[in-house]
């Protein structure tokens, strides 16, 4: 195992990785920008290194500065967390060239899965079902029009290098296509430096289901069940749960082993998530792959008893995984993303100083956060500051416990989305488990929730 680990991330992400590293006896080096340097949780790590100004491009995304810190402090490995450089193949290659292990997939897999068109092609060749659409990047609006006629409207135009809903447009009729193509290309170029687009058949009222995977260097890849991530606002997840209330046992048993086998044959190493669309008929289709841990990885951890950060570190250190999927625990888990934002003001960010923090204390509750009373939430980064995870004996029990846990949670000094989460538990579609990726957005527009 590595003696010293650089954690190239910040806030809740860095604190989560550090927690496992500390338990494993790994020395931790954490970087902090000028906006984060006074966070109280940093006292819990071995070494804190100032990395630059608040602007992420000049601090957490500064590859040269990060590698200099790694070399100067004798770090054998770099854990990128999730976000920032976690899926950057150039950063992974630079780490390896510097003799520092990148805790994540090989650069070739980061490149392949980072290109949505290549990922679709690879997954189809490995036997996974993919949504009908283009085999490569579109050559222009004429090709998009021809393909849309073939697969049938409605369709979606997506950025090849996209994510988070940017560079994505819904197209209902042929007359909408040209404008949607132009707008998506411009947004993709501005957001990702790449105007390439691809086209997929749009499956309305679909559900977002993702499969957690971990692979090692020895040809083993196991899945750790699925998570449901359909409660979304503007393509951003709000609440996650597992197992999925919308996935049948037969489709789970058919597809999840197929996903793990496909990635084993691809030689995938590290943690990853295959994101799939569950159509109204109950069939799963591949959408994309995230070659990292995700915010909601704790759902899978509580369902399986596996520490995924530990597995990441062990795989990166060339240790072997178990040869079969860990048996799932019974029960149900929900995760609530706590953001410093005001839902009643258009979800505007709410930076500031946290005066009061109170988290629920129970054996079925887990809170992932870096916050301490008196900490300042800077305006420079993502507004998510904590995750509240609740485990129940079944979904109904999890709903009841989640209601109690959210009632006990208190964050004062900044506005948060806690009230929205509390309302969500009384919202009929969520309470019954009958919802899709559009349900929350529709309910918010109509003020149903």
Foldseek 3Di string as FASTA:
>chain_A
DWQEEEELDDWLQSLLLQVVCVVVNHAYEYEDEPQHPPQPLVVVHDHYHHAYHLACVRGSQPLVSSVVVCVVVVGQEYEHGPPRCNLPLVSCVVCVVSNHFYLFKHSVVSVQQQQQLSQQLLVVVLPFFAFDWDNHWDPDLVSVLVGCVVNDDFKKKADRNDDLLQLIDTRGDSVCRRVSLVRSLVRCCVPPVGSTIIMGHDFPQKWKKKWKWADAQPLAMETLAIKTQQADDSSHGFKIKPDAPLADPVQRVVPRVSVRNSVSVVSIHHIKMFIWIQHPVRHTHTRGMGRHDDPPVVNSCVFQVDDRSVSSVCRSVRHDDPRYHGDTDAWMKMKGFKFLFDVVVVRHHWWWAWADWWFDDDPFKDKRFSHDHGRTGDPNDGGGGMMIMGIANYPLRRLVVVLVRLVRTDTPGTDICSVVVNVQSVQVCVVVSNGGNCVNVVCSVVVVD
